Amino acid sequence: MPSDETKDLVAIEKGLKEDLSKNYTLGKSSIEELAFGIKVLKLIVIMGDEGGLVDSVEQRIRSFQDVGEVEVEEVSLIS
């Protein structure tokens, strides 16, 4: 979620994709309405299954300018 509703999610998405693609494989991303006009950015990040990587990516996204809240919705293995 952005730090507030006035932040440009398209710009946040572009910046995060540029940053994260240096170390991770990115899947689909989308901007979706959550409720009451609040929009969120959803990213699929594909990474190895080493311990702590999910927390590392979450911290990296959280530290990005204009990002207010980060939530991991799903973790699964690719076979």
Protein backbone atom coordinates (compact mmCIF):
# COMPACT_ATOMS: atom_id res chain seq x y z
CA MET A 1 0.00 0.00 0.00
CA PRO A 2 1.21 3.52 -0.62
CA SER A 3 2.03 5.74 2.36
CA ASP A 4 -1.12 7.72 1.52
CA GLU A 5 -3.78 7.79 -1.19
CA THR A 6 -2.18 10.72 -3.05
CA LYS A 7 0.94 8.75 -4.00
CA ASP A 8 1.38 7.67 -7.62
CA LEU A 9 1.16 3.87 -7.65
CA VAL A 10 2.33 3.70 -11.28
CA ALA A 11 5.56 5.47 -10.30
CA ILE A 12 5.97 3.26 -7.22
CA GLU A 13 5.41 0.15 -9.38
CA LYS A 14 8.00 1.30 -11.93
CA GLY A 15 10.60 2.04 -9.25
CA LEU A 16 10.04 -1.23 -7.40
CA LYS A 17 10.25 -3.24 -10.61
CA GLU A 18 13.53 -1.56 -11.55
CA ASP A 19 14.98 -2.17 -8.09
CA LEU A 20 13.74 -5.71 -7.49
CA SER A 21 14.54 -6.98 -11.00
CA LYS A 22 18.24 -6.56 -10.22
CA ASN A 23 18.12 -9.51 -7.78
CA TYR A 24 14.83 -11.32 -8.35
CA THR A 25 12.61 -12.55 -11.16
CA LEU A 26 9.36 -10.61 -11.32
CA GLY A 27 6.03 -11.99 -12.42
CA LYS A 28 2.78 -10.16 -12.95
CA SER A 29 2.09 -6.86 -11.23
CA SER A 30 -1.21 -5.04 -10.92
CA ILE A 31 -2.83 -2.06 -9.27
CA GLU A 32 -6.11 -3.09 -7.66
CA GLU A 33 -8.81 -1.35 -5.68
CA LEU A 34 -8.96 -2.56 -2.09
CA ALA A 35 -11.97 -0.66 -0.72
CA PHE A 36 -13.35 2.87 -0.45
CA GLY A 37 -11.15 4.09 -3.32
CA ILE A 38 -7.94 2.78 -1.72
CA LYS A 39 -5.69 1.18 -4.31
CA VAL A 40 -2.87 -1.27 -3.72
CA LEU A 41 0.01 -2.57 -5.80
CA LYS A 42 0.37 -6.34 -6.07
CA LEU A 43 3.67 -7.84 -7.22
CA ILE A 44 4.71 -11.41 -7.83
CA VAL A 45 8.36 -11.92 -6.88
CA ILE A 46 9.97 -15.23 -7.80
CA MET A 47 12.97 -16.22 -5.68
CA GLY A 48 14.82 -19.19 -4.26
CA ASP A 49 13.59 -20.91 -1.13
CA GLU A 50 16.53 -20.02 1.12
CA GLY A 51 15.54 -19.03 4.63
CA GLY A 52 14.91 -15.35 5.22
CA LEU A 53 14.48 -14.31 1.58
CA VAL A 54 10.79 -13.42 1.99
CA ASP A 55 11.63 -11.18 4.94
CA SER A 56 14.47 -9.63 2.97
CA VAL A 57 12.24 -8.75 0.00
CA GLU A 58 9.53 -7.45 2.34
CA GLN A 59 12.05 -5.17 4.09
CA ARG A 60 13.40 -3.94 0.77
CA ILE A 61 9.91 -3.01 -0.45
CA ARG A 62 9.00 -1.44 2.90
CA SER A 63 12.08 0.82 2.75
CA PHE A 64 11.10 2.14 -0.68
CA GLN A 65 9.95 5.77 -0.78
CA ASP A 66 6.15 6.25 -0.67
CA VAL A 67 5.46 2.64 0.41
CA GLY A 68 3.44 2.61 3.61
CA GLU A 69 2.57 -1.02 4.26
CA VAL A 70 3.72 -4.38 2.91
CA GLU A 71 1.89 -7.68 3.25
CA VAL A 72 2.90 -11.09 1.90
CA GLU A 73 -0.28 -12.74 0.68
CA GLU A 74 1.06 -16.07 -0.49
CA VAL A 75 4.21 -18.16 -0.52
CA SER A 76 4.38 -21.32 -2.60
CA LEU A 77 6.88 -23.61 -4.27
CA ILE A 78 7.19 -23.86 -8.02
CA SER A 79 7.69 -27.37 -9.34
